[in-house]
Amino acid sequence: VLFVKNNSFQRASVLNSSNQIVGKAYETANYLNTYLNLAVVND
């Protein structure tokens, strides 16, 4: 925590990795939600 907090490059790398993980999670959740709502979309 101290290393990442006091080094801008490492902090940016960690944040970027976190954003990728969160983005992937949102993408997966959105895909599942879209799949479950296919019947409504087709109608």
All heavy atoms as atom14 arrays in JSON, in Angstrom:
{
  "sequence": "VLFVKNNSFQRASVLNSSNQIVGKAYETANYLNTYLNLAVVND",
  "atom14_mask": [
    [1, 1, 1, 1, 1, 1, 1, 0, 0, 0, 0, 0, 0, 0],
    [1, 1, 1, 1, 1, 1, 1, 1, 0, 0, 0, 0, 0, 0],
    [1, 1, 1, 1, 1, 1, 1, 1, 1, 1, 1, 0, 0, 0],
    [1, 1, 1, 1, 1, 1, 1, 0, 0, 0, 0, 0, 0, 0],
    [1, 1, 1, 1, 1, 1, 1, 1, 1, 0, 0, 0, 0, 0],
    [1, 1, 1, 1, 1, 1, 1, 1, 0, 0, 0, 0, 0, 0],
    [1, 1, 1, 1, 1, 1, 1, 1, 0, 0, 0, 0, 0, 0],
    [1, 1, 1, 1, 1, 1, 0, 0, 0, 0, 0, 0, 0, 0],
    [1, 1, 1, 1, 1, 1, 1, 1, 1, 1, 1, 0, 0, 0],
    [1, 1, 1, 1, 1, 1, 1, 1, 1, 0, 0, 0, 0, 0],
    [1, 1, 1, 1, 1, 1, 1, 1, 1, 1, 1, 0, 0, 0],
    [1, 1, 1, 1, 1, 0, 0, 0, 0, 0, 0, 0, 0, 0],
    [1, 1, 1, 1, 1, 1, 0, 0, 0, 0, 0, 0, 0, 0],
    [1, 1, 1, 1, 1, 1, 1, 0, 0, 0, 0, 0, 0, 0],
    [1, 1, 1, 1, 1, 1, 1, 1, 0, 0, 0, 0, 0, 0],
    [1, 1, 1, 1, 1, 1, 1, 1, 0, 0, 0, 0, 0, 0],
    [1, 1, 1, 1, 1, 1, 0, 0, 0, 0, 0, 0, 0, 0],
    [1, 1, 1, 1, 1, 1, 0, 0, 0, 0, 0, 0, 0, 0],
    [1, 1, 1, 1, 1, 1, 1, 1, 0, 0, 0, 0, 0, 0],
    [1, 1, 1, 1, 1, 1, 1, 1, 1, 0, 0, 0, 0, 0],
    [1, 1, 1, 1, 1, 1, 1, 1, 0, 0, 0, 0, 0, 0],
    [1, 1, 1, 1, 1, 1, 1, 0, 0, 0, 0, 0, 0, 0],
    [1, 1, 1, 1, 0, 0, 0, 0, 0, 0, 0, 0, 0, 0],
    [1, 1, 1, 1, 1, 1, 1, 1, 1, 0, 0, 0, 0, 0],
    [1, 1, 1, 1, 1, 0, 0, 0, 0, 0, 0, 0, 0, 0],
    [1, 1, 1, 1, 1, 1, 1, 1, 1, 1, 1, 1, 0, 0],
    [1, 1, 1, 1, 1, 1, 1, 1, 1, 0, 0, 0, 0, 0],
    [1, 1, 1, 1, 1, 1, 1, 0, 0, 0, 0, 0, 0, 0],
    [1, 1, 1, 1, 1, 0, 0, 0, 0, 0, 0, 0, 0, 0],
    [1, 1, 1, 1, 1, 1, 1, 1, 0, 0, 0, 0, 0, 0],
    [1, 1, 1, 1, 1, 1, 1, 1, 1, 1, 1, 1, 0, 0],
    [1, 1, 1, 1, 1, 1, 1, 1, 0, 0, 0, 0, 0, 0],
    [1, 1, 1, 1, 1, 1, 1, 1, 0, 0, 0, 0, 0, 0],
    [1, 1, 1, 1, 1, 1, 1, 0, 0, 0, 0, 0, 0, 0],
    [1, 1, 1, 1, 1, 1, 1, 1, 1, 1, 1, 1, 0, 0],
    [1, 1, 1, 1, 1, 1, 1, 1, 0, 0, 0, 0, 0, 0],
    [1, 1, 1, 1, 1, 1, 1, 1, 0, 0, 0, 0, 0, 0],
    [1, 1, 1, 1, 1, 1, 1, 1, 0, 0, 0, 0, 0, 0],
    [1, 1, 1, 1, 1, 0, 0, 0, 0, 0, 0, 0, 0, 0],
    [1, 1, 1, 1, 1, 1, 1, 0, 0, 0, 0, 0, 0, 0],
    [1, 1, 1, 1, 1, 1, 1, 0, 0, 0, 0, 0, 0, 0],
    [1, 1, 1, 1, 1, 1, 1, 1, 0, 0, 0, 0, 0, 0],
    [1, 1, 1, 1, 1, 1, 1, 1, 0, 0, 0, 0, 0, 0]
  ],
  "atom14_positions": [
    [[0.84, -1.21, 0.0], [0.0, 0.0, 0.0], [0.87, 1.25, 0.0], [0.63, 2.2, -0.76], [-0.95, -0.02, 1.22], [-1.66, 1.32, 1.35], [-1.95, -1.14, 1.09], [0.0, 0.0, 0.0], [0.0, 0.0, 0.0], [0.0, 0.0, 0.0], [0.0, 0.0, 0.0], [0.0, 0.0, 0.0], [0.0, 0.0, 0.0], [0.0, 0.0, 0.0]],
    [[1.9, 1.27, 0.85], [2.78, 2.43, 0.9], [3.55, 2.61, -0.4], [3.74, 3.73, -0.88], [3.76, 2.27, 2.08], [3.13, 2.33, 3.47], [4.18, 2.02, 4.54], [2.5, 3.7, 3.72], [0.0, 0.0, 0.0], [0.0, 0.0, 0.0], [0.0, 0.0, 0.0], [0.0, 0.0, 0.0], [0.0, 0.0, 0.0], [0.0, 0.0, 0.0]],
    [[3.99, 1.5, -0.96], [4.74, 1.57, -2.21], [3.9, 2.16, -3.34], [4.34, 3.03, -4.09], [5.24, 0.17, -2.57], [6.02, 0.11, -3.85], [7.32, 0.61, -3.91], [5.46, -0.43, -5.0], [8.06, 0.56, -5.09], [6.19, -0.47, -6.17], [7.48, 0.02, -6.22], [0.0, 0.0, 0.0], [0.0, 0.0, 0.0], [0.0, 0.0, 0.0]],
    [[2.67, 1.67, -3.47], [1.78, 2.15, -4.53], [1.37, 3.59, -4.27], [1.31, 4.43, -5.19], [0.54, 1.24, -4.62], [-0.5, 1.84, -5.55], [0.94, -0.15, -5.1], [0.0, 0.0, 0.0], [0.0, 0.0, 0.0], [0.0, 0.0, 0.0], [0.0, 0.0, 0.0], [0.0, 0.0, 0.0], [0.0, 0.0, 0.0], [0.0, 0.0, 0.0]],
    [[1.13, 3.93, -3.01], [0.66, 5.28, -2.67], [1.71, 6.33, -2.92], [1.4, 7.47, -3.3], [0.23, 5.28, -1.2], [-0.4, 6.6, -0.76], [-0.88, 6.51, 0.67], [-1.53, 7.84, 1.09], [-2.0, 7.77, 2.5], [0.0, 0.0, 0.0], [0.0, 0.0, 0.0], [0.0, 0.0, 0.0], [0.0, 0.0, 0.0], [0.0, 0.0, 0.0]],
    [[2.99, 6.0, -2.74], [4.06, 6.99, -2.85], [4.8, 6.94, -4.19], [5.81, 7.64, -4.35], [5.06, 6.79, -1.72], [4.44, 7.09, -0.36], [3.98, 8.2, -0.11], [4.39, 6.09, 0.5], [0.0, 0.0, 0.0], [0.0, 0.0, 0.0], [0.0, 0.0, 0.0], [0.0, 0.0, 0.0], [0.0, 0.0, 0.0], [0.0, 0.0, 0.0]],
    [[4.35, 6.14, -5.13], [4.96, 6.07, -6.45], [3.88, 6.21, -7.52], [2.99, 5.35, -7.63], [5.71, 4.75, -6.64], [6.94, 4.64, -5.75], [8.02, 5.08, -6.11], [6.75, 4.05, -4.57], [0.0, 0.0, 0.0], [0.0, 0.0, 0.0], [0.0, 0.0, 0.0], [0.0, 0.0, 0.0], [0.0, 0.0, 0.0], [0.0, 0.0, 0.0]],
    [[3.94, 7.32, -8.25], [2.88, 7.63, -9.22], [2.76, 6.59, -10.32], [1.66, 6.24, -10.74], [3.12, 9.02, -9.84], [4.39, 9.05, -10.48], [0.0, 0.0, 0.0], [0.0, 0.0, 0.0], [0.0, 0.0, 0.0], [0.0, 0.0, 0.0], [0.0, 0.0, 0.0], [0.0, 0.0, 0.0], [0.0, 0.0, 0.0], [0.0, 0.0, 0.0]],
    [[3.88, 6.06, -10.8], [3.82, 5.08, -11.89], [3.12, 3.81, -11.43], [2.25, 3.29, -12.12], [5.23, 4.77, -12.37], [5.26, 3.69, -13.44], [4.9, 3.98, -14.75], [5.64, 2.39, -13.11], [4.92, 3.0, -15.73], [5.66, 1.4, -14.08], [5.3, 1.7, -15.39], [0.0, 0.0, 0.0], [0.0, 0.0, 0.0], [0.0, 0.0, 0.0]],
    [[3.55, 3.3, -10.24], [2.92, 2.08, -9.74], [1.45, 2.32, -9.4], [0.62, 1.45, -9.62], [3.67, 1.58, -8.49], [4.98, 0.87, -8.78], [6.08, 1.85, -9.16], [5.94, 3.06, -8.98], [7.19, 1.32, -9.67], [0.0, 0.0, 0.0], [0.0, 0.0, 0.0], [0.0, 0.0, 0.0], [0.0, 0.0, 0.0], [0.0, 0.0, 0.0]],
    [[1.14, 3.52, -8.87], [-0.25, 3.82, -8.56], [-1.11, 3.83, -9.82], [-2.21, 3.29, -9.86], [-0.35, 5.17, -7.85], [-1.78, 5.52, -7.41], [-1.84, 6.72, -6.49], [-1.33, 7.93, -7.13], [-0.18, 8.52, -6.85], [0.63, 7.98, -5.94], [0.2, 9.62, -7.48], [0.0, 0.0, 0.0], [0.0, 0.0, 0.0], [0.0, 0.0, 0.0]],
    [[-0.59, 4.42, -10.9], [-1.33, 4.44, -12.17], [-1.49, 3.03, -12.73], [-2.55, 2.69, -13.27], [-0.6, 5.32, -13.18], [0.0, 0.0, 0.0], [0.0, 0.0, 0.0], [0.0, 0.0, 0.0], [0.0, 0.0, 0.0], [0.0, 0.0, 0.0], [0.0, 0.0, 0.0], [0.0, 0.0, 0.0], [0.0, 0.0, 0.0], [0.0, 0.0, 0.0]],
    [[-0.46, 2.21, -12.58], [-0.55, 0.83, -13.07], [-1.62, 0.04, -12.33], [-2.41, -0.7, -12.93], [0.81, 0.14, -12.94], [1.79, 0.81, -13.7], [0.0, 0.0, 0.0], [0.0, 0.0, 0.0], [0.0, 0.0, 0.0], [0.0, 0.0, 0.0], [0.0, 0.0, 0.0], [0.0, 0.0, 0.0], [0.0, 0.0, 0.0], [0.0, 0.0, 0.0]],
    [[-1.62, 0.2, -11.0], [-2.61, -0.52, -10.19], [-4.03, -0.06, -10.51], [-4.96, -0.85, -10.66], [-2.31, -0.34, -8.69], [-3.46, -0.88, -7.84], [-1.01, -1.05, -8.33], [0.0, 0.0, 0.0], [0.0, 0.0, 0.0], [0.0, 0.0, 0.0], [0.0, 0.0, 0.0], [0.0, 0.0, 0.0], [0.0, 0.0, 0.0], [0.0, 0.0, 0.0]],
    [[-4.19, 1.27, -10.63], [-5.52, 1.79, -10.96], [-5.99, 1.31, -12.33], [-7.16, 0.98, -12.52], [-5.5, 3.33, -10.92], [-5.36, 3.95, -9.52], [-5.23, 5.46, -9.63], [-6.58, 3.59, -8.65], [0.0, 0.0, 0.0], [0.0, 0.0, 0.0], [0.0, 0.0, 0.0], [0.0, 0.0, 0.0], [0.0, 0.0, 0.0], [0.0, 0.0, 0.0]],
    [[-5.05, 1.27, -13.28], [-5.4, 0.79, -14.62], [-5.82, -0.67, -14.6], [-6.8, -1.07, -15.23], [-4.21, 0.99, -15.56], [-4.53, 0.61, -16.99], [-5.5, 1.08, -17.56], [-3.72, -0.25, -17.57], [0.0, 0.0, 0.0], [0.0, 0.0, 0.0], [0.0, 0.0, 0.0], [0.0, 0.0, 0.0], [0.0, 0.0, 0.0], [0.0, 0.0, 0.0]],
    [[-5.06, -1.47, -13.82], [-5.42, -2.88, -13.7], [-6.77, -3.05, -13.02], [-7.59, -3.88, -13.42], [-4.33, -3.63, -12.92], [-3.09, -3.54, -13.58], [0.0, 0.0, 0.0], [0.0, 0.0, 0.0], [0.0, 0.0, 0.0], [0.0, 0.0, 0.0], [0.0, 0.0, 0.0], [0.0, 0.0, 0.0], [0.0, 0.0, 0.0], [0.0, 0.0, 0.0]],
    [[-7.02, -2.25, -12.0], [-8.3, -2.31, -11.29], [-9.45, -1.94, -12.21], [-10.5, -2.58, -12.22], [-8.27, -1.39, -10.07], [-7.24, -1.75, -9.19], [0.0, 0.0, 0.0], [0.0, 0.0, 0.0], [0.0, 0.0, 0.0], [0.0, 0.0, 0.0], [0.0, 0.0, 0.0], [0.0, 0.0, 0.0], [0.0, 0.0, 0.0], [0.0, 0.0, 0.0]],
    [[-9.21, -0.89, -13.01], [-10.26, -0.47, -13.95], [-10.56, -1.56, -14.98], [-11.72, -1.76, -15.37], [-9.84, 0.81, -14.67], [-9.88, 2.02, -13.74], [-10.59, 2.01, -12.75], [-9.09, 3.04, -14.06], [0.0, 0.0, 0.0], [0.0, 0.0, 0.0], [0.0, 0.0, 0.0], [0.0, 0.0, 0.0], [0.0, 0.0, 0.0], [0.0, 0.0, 0.0]],
    [[-9.5, -2.25, -15.42], [-9.71, -3.33, -16.38], [-10.52, -4.46, -15.76], [-11.43, -5.01, -16.39], [-8.36, -3.85, -16.86], [-7.63, -2.91, -17.8], [-6.33, -3.5, -18.31], [-5.94, -4.59, -17.91], [-5.66, -2.78, -19.18], [0.0, 0.0, 0.0], [0.0, 0.0, 0.0], [0.0, 0.0, 0.0], [0.0, 0.0, 0.0], [0.0, 0.0, 0.0]],
    [[-10.2, -4.79, -14.52], [-10.93, -5.87, -13.84], [-12.39, -5.48, -13.64], [-13.32, -6.25, -13.91], [-10.26, -6.21, -12.49], [-8.87, -6.79, -12.74], [-11.11, -7.18, -11.69], [-8.05, -6.98, -11.48], [0.0, 0.0, 0.0], [0.0, 0.0, 0.0], [0.0, 0.0, 0.0], [0.0, 0.0, 0.0], [0.0, 0.0, 0.0], [0.0, 0.0, 0.0]],
    [[-12.59, -4.24, -13.13], [-13.97, -3.78, -12.9], [-14.73, -3.69, -14.22], [-15.91, -4.07, -14.32], [-13.95, -2.41, -12.19], [-15.36, -1.84, -12.1], [-13.36, -2.56, -10.79], [0.0, 0.0, 0.0], [0.0, 0.0, 0.0], [0.0, 0.0, 0.0], [0.0, 0.0, 0.0], [0.0, 0.0, 0.0], [0.0, 0.0, 0.0], [0.0, 0.0, 0.0]],
    [[-14.03, -3.16, -15.26], [-14.68, -3.06, -16.57], [-15.09, -4.42, -17.12], [-16.17, -4.58, -17.69], [0.0, 0.0, 0.0], [0.0, 0.0, 0.0], [0.0, 0.0, 0.0], [0.0, 0.0, 0.0], [0.0, 0.0, 0.0], [0.0, 0.0, 0.0], [0.0, 0.0, 0.0], [0.0, 0.0, 0.0], [0.0, 0.0, 0.0], [0.0, 0.0, 0.0]],
    [[-14.22, -5.4, -16.94], [-14.53, -6.76, -17.4], [-15.72, -7.33, -16.64], [-16.58, -8.0, -17.22], [-13.3, -7.65, -17.22], [-13.44, -9.02, -17.87], [-13.55, -8.93, -19.37], [-13.6, -10.3, -20.0], [-13.73, -10.23, -21.48], [0.0, 0.0, 0.0], [0.0, 0.0, 0.0], [0.0, 0.0, 0.0], [0.0, 0.0, 0.0], [0.0, 0.0, 0.0]],
    [[-15.75, -7.03, -15.34], [-16.87, -7.52, -14.53], [-18.18, -6.89, -14.99], [-19.21, -7.56, -15.13], [-16.62, -7.21, -13.05], [0.0, 0.0, 0.0], [0.0, 0.0, 0.0], [0.0, 0.0, 0.0], [0.0, 0.0, 0.0], [0.0, 0.0, 0.0], [0.0, 0.0, 0.0], [0.0, 0.0, 0.0], [0.0, 0.0, 0.0], [0.0, 0.0, 0.0]],
    [[-18.14, -5.56, -15.25], [-19.34, -4.88, -15.75], [-19.76, -5.42, -17.12], [-20.95, -5.56, -17.41], [-19.1, -3.37, -15.84], [-19.24, -2.64, -14.52], [-18.27, -1.75, -14.1], [-20.34, -2.84, -13.71], [-18.38, -1.08, -12.9], [-20.47, -2.18, -12.51], [-19.49, -1.3, -12.1], [-19.62, -0.65, -10.91], [0.0, 0.0, 0.0], [0.0, 0.0, 0.0]],
    [[-18.77, -5.69, -17.96], [-19.06, -6.21, -19.3], [-19.74, -7.58, -19.21], [-20.71, -7.85, -19.92], [-17.76, -6.32, -20.1], [-17.96, -6.81, -21.54], [-16.66, -6.94, -22.28], [-15.61, -6.54, -21.73], [-16.68, -7.43, -23.42], [0.0, 0.0, 0.0], [0.0, 0.0, 0.0], [0.0, 0.0, 0.0], [0.0, 0.0, 0.0], [0.0, 0.0, 0.0]],
    [[-19.23, -8.43, -18.31], [-19.83, -9.75, -18.13], [-21.25, -9.64, -17.58], [-22.17, -10.32, -18.04], [-18.97, -10.59, -17.17], [-17.64, -10.69, -17.69], [-19.55, -11.98, -17.0], [0.0, 0.0, 0.0], [0.0, 0.0, 0.0], [0.0, 0.0, 0.0], [0.0, 0.0, 0.0], [0.0, 0.0, 0.0], [0.0, 0.0, 0.0], [0.0, 0.0, 0.0]],
    [[-21.43, -8.75, -16.6], [-22.76, -8.56, -16.02], [-23.74, -8.02, -17.06], [-24.9, -8.44, -17.13], [-22.68, -7.61, -14.83], [0.0, 0.0, 0.0], [0.0, 0.0, 0.0], [0.0, 0.0, 0.0], [0.0, 0.0, 0.0], [0.0, 0.0, 0.0], [0.0, 0.0, 0.0], [0.0, 0.0, 0.0], [0.0, 0.0, 0.0], [0.0, 0.0, 0.0]],
    [[-23.25, -7.09, -17.9], [-24.11, -6.53, -18.95], [-24.48, -7.58, -19.98], [-25.62, -7.61, -20.47], [-23.38, -5.37, -19.63], [-24.24, -4.69, -20.68], [-25.28, -4.13, -20.38], [-23.79, -4.75, -21.92], [0.0, 0.0, 0.0], [0.0, 0.0, 0.0], [0.0, 0.0, 0.0], [0.0, 0.0, 0.0], [0.0, 0.0, 0.0], [0.0, 0.0, 0.0]],
    [[-23.53, -8.46, -20.31], [-23.81, -9.54, -21.27], [-24.89, -10.47, -20.73], [-25.83, -10.84, -21.44], [-22.53, -10.32, -21.55], [-22.73, -11.55, -22.41], [-22.87, -11.45, -23.79], [-22.82, -12.81, -21.83], [-23.08, -12.56, -24.58], [-23.03, -13.93, -22.61], [-23.16, -13.81, -23.98], [-23.37, -14.92, -24.74], [0.0, 0.0, 0.0], [0.0, 0.0, 0.0]],
    [[-24.75, -10.84, -19.44], [-25.75, -11.72, -18.83], [-27.11, -11.05, -18.78], [-28.14, -11.67, -19.06], [-25.3, -12.12, -17.43], [-24.06, -13.02, -17.35], [-23.65, -13.23, -15.9], [-24.34, -14.38, -18.01], [0.0, 0.0, 0.0], [0.0, 0.0, 0.0], [0.0, 0.0, 0.0], [0.0, 0.0, 0.0], [0.0, 0.0, 0.0], [0.0, 0.0, 0.0]],
    [[-27.12, -9.76, -18.44], [-28.38, -9.02, -18.37], [-29.02, -8.92, -19.75], [-30.25, -9.06, -19.9], [-28.13, -7.63, -17.81], [-29.41, -6.85, -17.61], [-30.31, -7.27, -16.88], [-29.51, -5.7, -18.25], [0.0, 0.0, 0.0], [0.0, 0.0, 0.0], [0.0, 0.0, 0.0], [0.0, 0.0, 0.0], [0.0, 0.0, 0.0], [0.0, 0.0, 0.0]],
    [[-28.19, -8.68, -20.78], [-28.71, -8.62, -22.15], [-29.3, -9.95, -22.59], [-30.36, -10.01, -23.21], [-27.58, -8.21, -23.12], [-27.06, -6.95, -22.72], [-28.1, -8.11, -24.56], [0.0, 0.0, 0.0], [0.0, 0.0, 0.0], [0.0, 0.0, 0.0], [0.0, 0.0, 0.0], [0.0, 0.0, 0.0], [0.0, 0.0, 0.0], [0.0, 0.0, 0.0]],
    [[-28.6, -11.03, -22.23], [-29.09, -12.37, -22.59], [-30.43, -12.66, -21.94], [-31.35, -13.2, -22.57], [-28.06, -13.41, -22.18], [-28.47, -14.83, -22.51], [-28.34, -15.33, -23.8], [-29.0, -15.66, -21.53], [-28.73, -16.62, -24.11], [-29.39, -16.95, -21.81], [-29.24, -17.43, -23.1], [-29.64, -18.72, -23.4], [0.0, 0.0, 0.0], [0.0, 0.0, 0.0]],
    [[-30.56, -12.29, -20.66], [-31.8, -12.56, -19.93], [-32.97, -11.72, -20.46], [-34.12, -12.1, -20.29], [-31.6, -12.28, -18.43], [-30.62, -13.23, -17.72], [-30.4, -12.77, -16.28], [-31.15, -14.66, -17.72], [0.0, 0.0, 0.0], [0.0, 0.0, 0.0], [0.0, 0.0, 0.0], [0.0, 0.0, 0.0], [0.0, 0.0, 0.0], [0.0, 0.0, 0.0]],
    [[-32.65, -10.58, -21.1], [-33.7, -9.7, -21.61], [-33.94, -9.85, -23.11], [-34.58, -9.0, -23.71], [-33.35, -8.24, -21.3], [-33.45, -7.93, -19.82], [-34.43, -8.3, -19.17], [-32.45, -7.27, -19.27], [0.0, 0.0, 0.0], [0.0, 0.0, 0.0], [0.0, 0.0, 0.0], [0.0, 0.0, 0.0], [0.0, 0.0, 0.0], [0.0, 0.0, 0.0]],
    [[-33.41, -10.93, -23.7], [-33.57, -11.11, -25.15], [-35.04, -11.21, -25.55], [-35.44, -10.71, -26.61], [-32.82, -12.38, -25.59], [-31.32, -12.23, -25.82], [-30.72, -13.56, -26.24], [-31.04, -11.18, -26.89], [0.0, 0.0, 0.0], [0.0, 0.0, 0.0], [0.0, 0.0, 0.0], [0.0, 0.0, 0.0], [0.0, 0.0, 0.0], [0.0, 0.0, 0.0]],
    [[-35.85, -11.87, -24.73], [-37.27, -12.02, -25.07], [-37.96, -10.67, -25.18], [-38.73, -10.41, -26.11], [-37.97, -12.89, -24.02], [0.0, 0.0, 0.0], [0.0, 0.0, 0.0], [0.0, 0.0, 0.0], [0.0, 0.0, 0.0], [0.0, 0.0, 0.0], [0.0, 0.0, 0.0], [0.0, 0.0, 0.0], [0.0, 0.0, 0.0], [0.0, 0.0, 0.0]],
    [[-37.66, -9.76, -24.25], [-38.25, -8.42, -24.27], [-37.77, -7.65, -25.49], [-38.54, -6.97, -26.17], [-37.89, -7.66, -22.97], [-38.44, -6.24, -23.02], [-38.44, -8.4, -21.76], [0.0, 0.0, 0.0], [0.0, 0.0, 0.0], [0.0, 0.0, 0.0], [0.0, 0.0, 0.0], [0.0, 0.0, 0.0], [0.0, 0.0, 0.0], [0.0, 0.0, 0.0]],
    [[-36.48, -7.78, -25.8], [-35.91, -7.09, -26.96], [-36.55, -7.6, -28.25], [-36.91, -6.82, -29.14], [-34.38, -7.28, -27.01], [-33.8, -6.72, -28.31], [-33.73, -6.6, -25.81], [0.0, 0.0, 0.0], [0.0, 0.0, 0.0], [0.0, 0.0, 0.0], [0.0, 0.0, 0.0], [0.0, 0.0, 0.0], [0.0, 0.0, 0.0], [0.0, 0.0, 0.0]],
    [[-36.72, -8.92, -28.36], [-37.34, -9.5, -29.56], [-38.76, -9.01, -29.73], [-39.21, -8.7, -30.83], [-37.31, -11.02, -29.48], [-35.93, -11.59, -29.72], [-35.09, -10.94, -30.32], [-35.68, -12.79, -29.25], [0.0, 0.0, 0.0], [0.0, 0.0, 0.0], [0.0, 0.0, 0.0], [0.0, 0.0, 0.0], [0.0, 0.0, 0.0], [0.0, 0.0, 0.0]],
    [[-39.51, -8.93, -28.62], [-40.89, -8.45, -28.69], [-40.94, -7.01, -29.19], [-41.77, -6.65, -30.04], [-41.56, -8.53, -27.31], [-41.83, -9.97, -26.89], [-41.83, -10.84, -27.77], [-42.04, -10.21, -25.69], [0.0, 0.0, 0.0], [0.0, 0.0, 0.0], [0.0, 0.0, 0.0], [0.0, 0.0, 0.0], [0.0, 0.0, 0.0], [0.0, 0.0, 0.0]]
  ]
}
